[in-house]
Amino acid sequence: MELAFYIAGAVAVIATLLMLTRVNVVHALLYLIVSLLAVAVVFYTLGAPFVAALEVIVYAGAIMVLFVFAVMTLNLGERAARAEKSLLTPGIWIGPGILAAVLAAEFIYVLTHGSTGMNASGAVDPKQVGIVLYGSYFVGVELASMLLLAGLVGAYHLGWRRPSKKGT
């Protein structure tokens, strides 16, 4: 189980570094997805399957869909269309494919040869997460929610355009 932890950690670090160094946004998003999945495997090997599931559902799922949607809405015309066609080459999938295959093999190994890394009494269940999150870290959660609300209001303000009147 310790080996799985270190391999997933290495995959997460490598995928994150590759994500930071990519010029193409789509390539960076692919590496970010691999990195988030690797972090989920790390959480699973540490005995927190609930947190691992949240990592996959919330981050690798919902937030990445939002990022892909934002990239798609920023269509830059014919030049962007040519660039998108060049993205369909099989060569761009080699890096994320290899890292994802390592994670898949590691996950299969963990499921077949071991437990979650801790005994059942050490596993973190959703009730414990809620108690800690809204108990001693209540102020931090509230500050994070206010920061997200401020970002939402700022994004609305930046994106809002006054309708132009035709004929005046």
N, C-alpha and C. Protein backbone atom coordinates (compact mmCIF):
# COMPACT_ATOMS: atom_id res chain seq x y z
N MET A 1 0.82 -1.19 0.00
CA MET A 1 0.00 0.00 0.00
C MET A 1 0.87 1.25 0.00
N GLU A 2 2.01 1.18 0.66
CA GLU A 2 2.92 2.32 0.69
C GLU A 2 3.47 2.63 -0.70
N LEU A 3 3.74 1.57 -1.47
CA LEU A 3 4.23 1.76 -2.84
C LEU A 3 3.19 2.47 -3.70
N ALA A 4 1.93 2.09 -3.52
CA ALA A 4 0.85 2.74 -4.29
C ALA A 4 0.76 4.22 -3.95
N PHE A 5 0.95 4.55 -2.67
CA PHE A 5 0.93 5.95 -2.25
C PHE A 5 2.03 6.74 -2.95
N TYR A 6 3.24 6.21 -2.96
CA TYR A 6 4.36 6.94 -3.56
C TYR A 6 4.24 7.05 -5.08
N ILE A 7 3.73 6.00 -5.72
CA ILE A 7 3.54 6.07 -7.17
C ILE A 7 2.48 7.11 -7.51
N ALA A 8 1.37 7.10 -6.79
CA ALA A 8 0.31 8.09 -7.04
C ALA A 8 0.82 9.50 -6.76
N GLY A 9 1.61 9.66 -5.72
CA GLY A 9 2.18 10.97 -5.42
C GLY A 9 3.11 11.45 -6.53
N ALA A 10 3.93 10.53 -7.05
CA ALA A 10 4.84 10.89 -8.14
C ALA A 10 4.05 11.26 -9.40
N VAL A 11 3.01 10.49 -9.70
CA VAL A 11 2.18 10.80 -10.87
C VAL A 11 1.52 12.16 -10.70
N ALA A 12 1.06 12.47 -9.49
CA ALA A 12 0.42 13.77 -9.25
C ALA A 12 1.42 14.91 -9.45
N VAL A 13 2.63 14.75 -8.95
CA VAL A 13 3.63 15.81 -9.09
C VAL A 13 4.03 15.98 -10.55
N ILE A 14 4.27 14.87 -11.26
CA ILE A 14 4.67 14.94 -12.66
C ILE A 14 3.56 15.56 -13.51
N ALA A 15 2.32 15.10 -13.30
CA ALA A 15 1.20 15.63 -14.08
C ALA A 15 0.99 17.12 -13.80
N THR A 16 1.17 17.53 -12.55
CA THR A 16 1.01 18.94 -12.22
C THR A 16 2.10 19.78 -12.87
N LEU A 17 3.34 19.31 -12.85
CA LEU A 17 4.42 20.04 -13.52
C LEU A 17 4.19 20.13 -15.03
N LEU A 18 3.72 19.03 -15.62
CA LEU A 18 3.41 19.06 -17.05
C LEU A 18 2.25 19.99 -17.35
N MET A 19 1.28 20.04 -16.45
CA MET A 19 0.15 20.94 -16.63
C MET A 19 0.62 22.40 -16.60
N LEU A 20 1.54 22.70 -15.72
CA LEU A 20 2.02 24.08 -15.60
C LEU A 20 2.87 24.51 -16.78
N THR A 21 3.51 23.57 -17.45
CA THR A 21 4.42 23.91 -18.54
C THR A 21 3.79 23.84 -19.92
N ARG A 22 2.55 23.41 -20.04
CA ARG A 22 1.91 23.31 -21.35
C ARG A 22 1.44 24.67 -21.82
N VAL A 23 1.65 24.94 -23.08
CA VAL A 23 1.17 26.19 -23.68
C VAL A 23 -0.28 26.04 -24.12
N ASN A 24 -0.63 24.86 -24.61
CA ASN A 24 -1.99 24.60 -25.09
C ASN A 24 -2.90 24.34 -23.88
N VAL A 25 -4.04 25.02 -23.84
CA VAL A 25 -4.95 24.92 -22.71
C VAL A 25 -5.54 23.52 -22.59
N VAL A 26 -5.88 22.91 -23.69
CA VAL A 26 -6.49 21.57 -23.66
C VAL A 26 -5.50 20.55 -23.10
N HIS A 27 -4.25 20.65 -23.49
CA HIS A 27 -3.23 19.74 -22.95
C HIS A 27 -3.09 19.94 -21.44
N ALA A 28 -3.07 21.20 -21.02
CA ALA A 28 -2.97 21.49 -19.59
C ALA A 28 -4.15 20.92 -18.83
N LEU A 29 -5.35 21.01 -19.40
CA LEU A 29 -6.53 20.45 -18.74
C LEU A 29 -6.44 18.93 -18.62
N LEU A 30 -5.92 18.28 -19.64
CA LEU A 30 -5.76 16.81 -19.58
C LEU A 30 -4.80 16.42 -18.46
N TYR A 31 -3.69 17.13 -18.34
CA TYR A 31 -2.75 16.83 -17.28
C TYR A 31 -3.32 17.17 -15.90
N LEU A 32 -4.12 18.21 -15.82
CA LEU A 32 -4.75 18.55 -14.54
C LEU A 32 -5.73 17.48 -14.11
N ILE A 33 -6.47 16.92 -15.04
CA ILE A 33 -7.39 15.82 -14.71
C ILE A 33 -6.61 14.62 -14.17
N VAL A 34 -5.50 14.27 -14.83
CA VAL A 34 -4.68 13.16 -14.35
C VAL A 34 -4.14 13.46 -12.96
N SER A 35 -3.72 14.69 -12.72
CA SER A 35 -3.20 15.07 -11.41
C SER A 35 -4.28 14.94 -10.33
N LEU A 36 -5.48 15.39 -10.62
CA LEU A 36 -6.57 15.29 -9.65
C LEU A 36 -6.94 13.84 -9.37
N LEU A 37 -6.91 13.00 -10.39
CA LEU A 37 -7.18 11.57 -10.17
C LEU A 37 -6.09 10.93 -9.32
N ALA A 38 -4.84 11.35 -9.52
CA ALA A 38 -3.74 10.82 -8.72
C ALA A 38 -3.89 11.24 -7.26
N VAL A 39 -4.33 12.45 -7.02
CA VAL A 39 -4.55 12.90 -5.64
C VAL A 39 -5.69 12.09 -5.01
N ALA A 40 -6.69 11.73 -5.80
CA ALA A 40 -7.77 10.87 -5.28
C ALA A 40 -7.23 9.51 -4.86
N VAL A 41 -6.30 8.96 -5.65
CA VAL A 41 -5.69 7.68 -5.28
C VAL A 41 -4.88 7.82 -4.00
N VAL A 42 -4.19 8.95 -3.83
CA VAL A 42 -3.44 9.20 -2.59
C VAL A 42 -4.38 9.21 -1.40
N PHE A 43 -5.50 9.91 -1.52
CA PHE A 43 -6.47 9.93 -0.43
C PHE A 43 -7.00 8.53 -0.14
N TYR A 44 -7.25 7.76 -1.19
CA TYR A 44 -7.77 6.40 -0.98
C TYR A 44 -6.76 5.53 -0.25
N THR A 45 -5.49 5.63 -0.62
CA THR A 45 -4.47 4.82 0.06
C THR A 45 -4.24 5.26 1.50
N LEU A 46 -4.58 6.50 1.82
CA LEU A 46 -4.44 6.98 3.20
C LEU A 46 -5.63 6.61 4.07
N GLY A 47 -6.62 5.93 3.49
CA GLY A 47 -7.76 5.48 4.27
C GLY A 47 -8.92 6.45 4.28
N ALA A 48 -9.02 7.30 3.28
CA ALA A 48 -10.12 8.25 3.20
C ALA A 48 -10.86 8.08 1.87
N PRO A 49 -11.61 6.96 1.72
CA PRO A 49 -12.30 6.73 0.45
C PRO A 49 -13.37 7.77 0.16
N PHE A 50 -13.99 8.34 1.20
CA PHE A 50 -15.00 9.37 0.98
C PHE A 50 -14.37 10.62 0.36
N VAL A 51 -13.23 11.03 0.88
CA VAL A 51 -12.54 12.20 0.35
C VAL A 51 -12.05 11.92 -1.07
N ALA A 52 -11.61 10.68 -1.32
CA ALA A 52 -11.18 10.31 -2.68
C ALA A 52 -12.35 10.40 -3.65
N ALA A 53 -13.51 9.93 -3.23
CA ALA A 53 -14.69 10.02 -4.10
C ALA A 53 -15.09 11.46 -4.35
N LEU A 54 -15.01 12.29 -3.31
CA LEU A 54 -15.30 13.72 -3.49
C LEU A 54 -14.31 14.36 -4.45
N GLU A 55 -13.05 13.98 -4.36
CA GLU A 55 -12.02 14.52 -5.26
C GLU A 55 -12.36 14.21 -6.71
N VAL A 56 -12.79 12.97 -6.96
CA VAL A 56 -13.13 12.59 -8.33
C VAL A 56 -14.39 13.27 -8.80
N ILE A 57 -15.42 13.28 -7.97
CA ILE A 57 -16.71 13.83 -8.38
C ILE A 57 -16.65 15.35 -8.52
N VAL A 58 -16.14 16.03 -7.50
CA VAL A 58 -16.19 17.48 -7.48
C VAL A 58 -15.10 18.09 -8.36
N TYR A 59 -13.85 17.69 -8.15
CA TYR A 59 -12.76 18.34 -8.85
C TYR A 59 -12.56 17.78 -10.26
N ALA A 60 -12.28 16.49 -10.34
CA ALA A 60 -12.01 15.90 -11.66
C ALA A 60 -13.26 15.86 -12.52
N GLY A 61 -14.42 15.90 -11.91
CA GLY A 61 -15.66 15.86 -12.67
C GLY A 61 -16.22 17.23 -12.94
N ALA A 62 -16.83 17.82 -11.94
CA ALA A 62 -17.60 19.05 -12.14
C ALA A 62 -16.74 20.25 -12.50
N ILE A 63 -15.67 20.48 -11.79
CA ILE A 63 -14.85 21.66 -12.06
C ILE A 63 -14.15 21.55 -13.41
N MET A 64 -13.72 20.37 -13.78
CA MET A 64 -13.06 20.21 -15.07
C MET A 64 -14.06 20.41 -16.21
N VAL A 65 -15.31 20.00 -16.01
CA VAL A 65 -16.35 20.27 -17.02
C VAL A 65 -16.52 21.78 -17.17
N LEU A 66 -16.48 22.50 -16.05
CA LEU A 66 -16.57 23.95 -16.11
C LEU A 66 -15.39 24.55 -16.87
N PHE A 67 -14.18 24.07 -16.63
CA PHE A 67 -13.00 24.56 -17.35
C PHE A 67 -13.12 24.28 -18.84
N VAL A 68 -13.53 23.07 -19.19
CA VAL A 68 -13.67 22.73 -20.61
C VAL A 68 -14.74 23.60 -21.26
N PHE A 69 -15.83 23.85 -20.55
CA PHE A 69 -16.88 24.73 -21.07
C PHE A 69 -16.34 26.14 -21.29
N ALA A 70 -15.55 26.65 -20.36
CA ALA A 70 -14.97 27.99 -20.52
C ALA A 70 -14.03 28.04 -21.71
N VAL A 71 -13.25 27.00 -21.92
CA VAL A 71 -12.34 26.96 -23.07
C VAL A 71 -13.14 26.93 -24.37
N MET A 72 -14.22 26.16 -24.38
CA MET A 72 -15.04 26.07 -25.59
C MET A 72 -15.75 27.39 -25.89
N THR A 73 -16.15 28.13 -24.88
CA THR A 73 -16.84 29.39 -25.14
C THR A 73 -15.90 30.48 -25.61
N LEU A 74 -14.62 30.32 -25.38
CA LEU A 74 -13.64 31.30 -25.83
C LEU A 74 -13.12 30.97 -27.21
N ASN A 75 -14.01 30.57 -28.08
CA ASN A 75 -13.63 30.22 -29.45
C ASN A 75 -13.03 31.43 -30.14
N LEU A 76 -11.86 31.25 -30.73
CA LEU A 76 -11.14 32.37 -31.32
C LEU A 76 -11.23 32.43 -32.83
N GLY A 77 -12.18 31.72 -33.44
CA GLY A 77 -12.38 31.81 -34.88
C GLY A 77 -11.69 30.71 -35.66
N GLU A 78 -11.34 31.01 -36.91
CA GLU A 78 -10.76 30.01 -37.82
C GLU A 78 -9.42 29.50 -37.33
N ARG A 79 -8.61 30.39 -36.78
CA ARG A 79 -7.32 29.96 -36.26
C ARG A 79 -7.50 28.93 -35.13
N ALA A 80 -8.48 29.16 -34.27
CA ALA A 80 -8.76 28.23 -33.18
C ALA A 80 -9.32 26.92 -33.73
N ALA A 81 -10.09 26.97 -34.79
CA ALA A 81 -10.63 25.75 -35.39
C ALA A 81 -9.51 24.88 -35.95
N ARG A 82 -8.52 25.52 -36.60
CA ARG A 82 -7.37 24.75 -37.09
C ARG A 82 -6.58 24.15 -35.93
N ALA A 83 -6.44 24.91 -34.87
CA ALA A 83 -5.73 24.41 -33.70
C ALA A 83 -6.47 23.23 -33.06
N GLU A 84 -7.79 23.31 -33.03
CA GLU A 84 -8.57 22.21 -32.47
C GLU A 84 -8.44 20.95 -33.31
N LYS A 85 -8.38 21.11 -34.64
CA LYS A 85 -8.19 19.94 -35.49
C LYS A 85 -6.83 19.31 -35.26
N SER A 86 -5.83 20.12 -34.97
CA SER A 86 -4.51 19.56 -34.70
C SER A 86 -4.48 18.84 -33.35
N LEU A 87 -5.44 19.14 -32.48
CA LEU A 87 -5.50 18.47 -31.19
C LEU A 87 -5.96 17.02 -31.30
N LEU A 88 -6.56 16.67 -32.41
CA LEU A 88 -7.09 15.33 -32.56
C LEU A 88 -6.03 14.31 -32.96
N THR A 89 -4.78 14.71 -33.03
CA THR A 89 -3.72 13.77 -33.37
C THR A 89 -3.48 12.84 -32.19
N PRO A 90 -3.16 11.59 -32.46
CA PRO A 90 -2.95 10.64 -31.35
C PRO A 90 -1.75 10.97 -30.49
N GLY A 91 -0.80 11.71 -30.99
CA GLY A 91 0.42 12.00 -30.24
C GLY A 91 0.19 12.78 -28.96
N ILE A 92 -0.84 13.61 -28.91
CA ILE A 92 -1.04 14.42 -27.71
C ILE A 92 -1.57 13.60 -26.54
N TRP A 93 -2.08 12.42 -26.82
CA TRP A 93 -2.63 11.58 -25.76
C TRP A 93 -1.59 10.68 -25.11
N ILE A 94 -0.37 10.68 -25.59
CA ILE A 94 0.65 9.76 -25.06
C ILE A 94 0.95 10.05 -23.59
N GLY A 95 1.26 11.31 -23.26
CA GLY A 95 1.61 11.66 -21.88
C GLY A 95 0.48 11.39 -20.90
N PRO A 96 -0.70 12.00 -21.11
CA PRO A 96 -1.80 11.73 -20.19
C PRO A 96 -2.22 10.26 -20.19
N GLY A 97 -2.10 9.60 -21.34
CA GLY A 97 -2.46 8.18 -21.41
C GLY A 97 -1.56 7.31 -20.56
N ILE A 98 -0.25 7.57 -20.62
CA ILE A 98 0.70 6.78 -19.82
C ILE A 98 0.46 7.00 -18.33
N LEU A 99 0.30 8.27 -17.93
CA LEU A 99 0.07 8.55 -16.52
C LEU A 99 -1.26 7.96 -16.04
N ALA A 100 -2.30 8.04 -16.86
CA ALA A 100 -3.59 7.46 -16.49
C ALA A 100 -3.51 5.94 -16.41
N ALA A 101 -2.72 5.31 -17.30
CA ALA A 101 -2.55 3.85 -17.25
C ALA A 101 -1.83 3.44 -15.98
N VAL A 102 -0.83 4.22 -15.56
CA VAL A 102 -0.14 3.92 -14.30
C VAL A 102 -1.11 4.01 -13.14
N LEU A 103 -1.95 5.06 -13.14
CA LEU A 103 -2.94 5.18 -12.07
C LEU A 103 -3.95 4.05 -12.09
N ALA A 104 -4.41 3.66 -13.26
CA ALA A 104 -5.38 2.57 -13.37
C ALA A 104 -4.78 1.26 -12.87
N ALA A 105 -3.54 0.97 -13.28
CA ALA A 105 -2.88 -0.26 -12.82
C ALA A 105 -2.69 -0.23 -11.31
N GLU A 106 -2.31 0.91 -10.79
CA GLU A 106 -2.12 1.03 -9.34
C GLU A 106 -3.44 0.85 -8.60
N PHE A 107 -4.51 1.43 -9.13
CA PHE A 107 -5.80 1.31 -8.47
C PHE A 107 -6.30 -0.13 -8.49
N ILE A 108 -6.10 -0.82 -9.60
CA ILE A 108 -6.48 -2.24 -9.68
C ILE A 108 -5.67 -3.06 -8.68
N TYR A 109 -4.37 -2.75 -8.57
CA TYR A 109 -3.52 -3.46 -7.60
C TYR A 109 -4.02 -3.22 -6.17
N VAL A 110 -4.37 -1.98 -5.84
CA VAL A 110 -4.84 -1.67 -4.50
C VAL A 110 -6.14 -2.39 -4.20
N LEU A 111 -7.03 -2.44 -5.18
CA LEU A 111 -8.31 -3.11 -4.95
C LEU A 111 -8.16 -4.62 -4.80
N THR A 112 -7.21 -5.21 -5.49
CA THR A 112 -7.08 -6.67 -5.45
C THR A 112 -6.14 -7.18 -4.37
N HIS A 113 -5.17 -6.38 -3.94
CA HIS A 113 -4.16 -6.88 -3.01
C HIS A 113 -4.14 -6.22 -1.65
N GLY A 114 -5.01 -5.32 -1.39
CA GLY A 114 -4.91 -4.66 -0.09
C GLY A 114 -6.19 -3.96 0.29
N SER A 115 -6.14 -3.40 1.47
CA SER A 115 -7.27 -2.63 1.96
C SER A 115 -7.01 -1.16 1.65
N THR A 116 -7.67 -0.28 2.38
CA THR A 116 -7.54 1.14 2.12
C THR A 116 -6.30 1.74 2.78
N GLY A 117 -5.45 0.92 3.36
CA GLY A 117 -4.25 1.45 3.97
C GLY A 117 -4.36 1.61 5.47
N MET A 118 -5.56 1.67 5.99
CA MET A 118 -5.79 1.78 7.42
C MET A 118 -6.86 0.75 7.78
N ASN A 119 -6.93 0.42 9.04
CA ASN A 119 -7.99 -0.50 9.42
C ASN A 119 -9.33 0.22 9.41
N ALA A 120 -10.40 -0.53 9.54
CA ALA A 120 -11.73 0.05 9.38
C ALA A 120 -12.01 1.12 10.43
N SER A 121 -11.42 1.00 11.63
CA SER A 121 -11.67 2.01 12.65
C SER A 121 -10.97 3.33 12.32
N GLY A 122 -9.94 3.30 11.46
CA GLY A 122 -9.22 4.52 11.11
C GLY A 122 -9.76 5.20 9.87
N ALA A 123 -10.76 4.61 9.23
CA ALA A 123 -11.32 5.21 8.02
C ALA A 123 -12.11 6.46 8.37
N VAL A 124 -12.12 7.40 7.48
CA VAL A 124 -12.83 8.66 7.69
C VAL A 124 -14.17 8.57 6.99
N ASP A 125 -15.25 8.71 7.75
CA ASP A 125 -16.58 8.65 7.15
C ASP A 125 -17.13 10.08 6.98
N PRO A 126 -18.22 10.22 6.23
CA PRO A 126 -18.75 11.56 5.96
C PRO A 126 -19.15 12.33 7.21
N LYS A 127 -19.62 11.65 8.23
CA LYS A 127 -20.03 12.33 9.46
C LYS A 127 -18.84 12.99 10.13
N GLN A 128 -17.69 12.29 10.16
CA GLN A 128 -16.49 12.87 10.76
C GLN A 128 -16.01 14.08 9.96
N VAL A 129 -16.09 14.00 8.64
CA VAL A 129 -15.70 15.14 7.80
C VAL A 129 -16.58 16.34 8.12
N GLY A 130 -17.89 16.14 8.21
CA GLY A 130 -18.81 17.23 8.50
C GLY A 130 -18.58 17.83 9.88
N ILE A 131 -18.32 16.97 10.87
CA ILE A 131 -18.10 17.47 12.23
C ILE A 131 -16.84 18.33 12.28
N VAL A 132 -15.77 17.87 11.65
CA VAL A 132 -14.53 18.65 11.66
C VAL A 132 -14.67 19.91 10.82
N LEU A 133 -15.29 19.78 9.64
CA LEU A 133 -15.39 20.91 8.73
C LEU A 133 -16.24 22.03 9.31
N TYR A 134 -17.36 21.68 9.92
CA TYR A 134 -18.25 22.71 10.46
C TYR A 134 -18.13 22.83 11.97
N GLY A 135 -17.13 22.23 12.56
CA GLY A 135 -16.85 22.38 13.99
C GLY A 135 -15.71 23.35 14.19
N SER A 136 -14.50 22.81 14.24
CA SER A 136 -13.34 23.66 14.53
C SER A 136 -12.91 24.51 13.35
N TYR A 137 -13.28 24.15 12.13
CA TYR A 137 -12.90 24.92 10.95
C TYR A 137 -14.06 25.74 10.38
N PHE A 138 -15.05 26.03 11.21
CA PHE A 138 -16.24 26.73 10.75
C PHE A 138 -15.91 28.10 10.18
N VAL A 139 -15.04 28.84 10.85
CA VAL A 139 -14.68 30.19 10.40
C VAL A 139 -13.98 30.12 9.05
N GLY A 140 -13.09 29.15 8.85
CA GLY A 140 -12.40 28.99 7.58
C GLY A 140 -13.36 28.66 6.45
N VAL A 141 -14.33 27.81 6.71
CA VAL A 141 -15.32 27.46 5.69
C VAL A 141 -16.15 28.68 5.33
N GLU A 142 -16.54 29.46 6.33
CA GLU A 142 -17.33 30.67 6.06
C GLU A 142 -16.52 31.70 5.29
N LEU A 143 -15.24 31.86 5.62
CA LEU A 143 -14.40 32.81 4.89
C LEU A 143 -14.21 32.36 3.44
N ALA A 144 -14.04 31.05 3.23
CA ALA A 144 -13.91 30.55 1.86
C ALA A 144 -15.20 30.77 1.08
N SER A 145 -16.35 30.59 1.72
CA SER A 145 -17.61 30.81 1.01
C SER A 145 -17.80 32.28 0.68
N MET A 146 -17.37 33.18 1.56
CA MET A 146 -17.47 34.61 1.25
C MET A 146 -16.52 35.00 0.13
N LEU A 147 -15.34 34.38 0.10
CA LEU A 147 -14.39 34.64 -0.98
C LEU A 147 -14.96 34.17 -2.31
N LEU A 148 -15.59 32.99 -2.33
CA LEU A 148 -16.22 32.50 -3.55
C LEU A 148 -17.38 33.40 -3.97
N LEU A 149 -18.15 33.89 -3.02
CA LEU A 149 -19.24 34.80 -3.34
C LEU A 149 -18.70 36.10 -3.93
N ALA A 150 -17.60 36.62 -3.37
CA ALA A 150 -16.99 37.84 -3.91
C ALA A 150 -16.50 37.60 -5.34
N GLY A 151 -15.92 36.42 -5.59
CA GLY A 151 -15.49 36.09 -6.95
C GLY A 151 -16.66 36.00 -7.91
N LEU A 152 -17.77 35.45 -7.46
CA LEU A 152 -18.97 35.36 -8.29
C LEU A 152 -19.51 36.74 -8.62
N VAL A 153 -19.58 37.62 -7.63
CA VAL A 153 -20.07 38.98 -7.86
C VAL A 153 -19.11 39.73 -8.77
N GLY A 154 -17.80 39.55 -8.58
CA GLY A 154 -16.82 40.19 -9.44
C GLY A 154 -16.91 39.71 -10.87
N ALA A 155 -17.09 38.40 -11.06
CA ALA A 155 -17.23 37.86 -12.42
C ALA A 155 -18.49 38.39 -13.09
N TYR A 156 -19.57 38.50 -12.34
CA TYR A 156 -20.80 39.05 -12.90
C TYR A 156 -20.60 40.51 -13.30
N HIS A 157 -19.93 41.27 -12.43
CA HIS A 157 -19.70 42.68 -12.70
C HIS A 157 -18.81 42.87 -13.93
N LEU A 158 -17.78 42.05 -14.06
CA LEU A 158 -16.89 42.16 -15.22
C LEU A 158 -17.57 41.73 -16.51
N GLY A 159 -18.46 40.77 -16.43
CA GLY A 159 -19.12 40.27 -17.63
C GLY A 159 -20.37 41.02 -18.02
N TRP A 160 -20.87 41.87 -17.14
CA TRP A 160 -22.11 42.58 -17.41
C TRP A 160 -21.87 43.70 -18.40
N ARG A 161 -22.71 43.77 -19.38
CA ARG A 161 -22.63 44.83 -20.39
C ARG A 161 -23.97 45.55 -20.42
N ARG A 162 -23.91 46.87 -20.51
CA ARG A 162 -25.13 47.65 -20.62
C ARG A 162 -25.65 47.47 -22.03
N PRO A 163 -26.93 47.14 -22.19
CA PRO A 163 -27.46 46.94 -23.54
C PRO A 163 -27.39 48.24 -24.35
N SER A 164 -26.90 48.10 -25.56
CA SER A 164 -26.80 49.29 -26.44
C SER A 164 -28.14 49.54 -27.11
N LYS A 165 -28.50 50.82 -27.18
CA LYS A 165 -29.78 51.18 -27.80
C LYS A 165 -29.53 51.45 -29.27
N LYS A 166 -30.28 50.79 -30.10
CA LYS A 166 -30.15 50.99 -31.55
C LYS A 166 -30.94 52.21 -31.96
N GLY A 167 -30.35 53.00 -32.83
CA GLY A 167 -31.05 54.17 -33.35
C GLY A 167 -30.78 55.43 -32.55
N THR A 168 -29.98 55.37 -31.51
CA THR A 168 -29.68 56.59 -30.76
C THR A 168 -28.24 56.97 -30.89
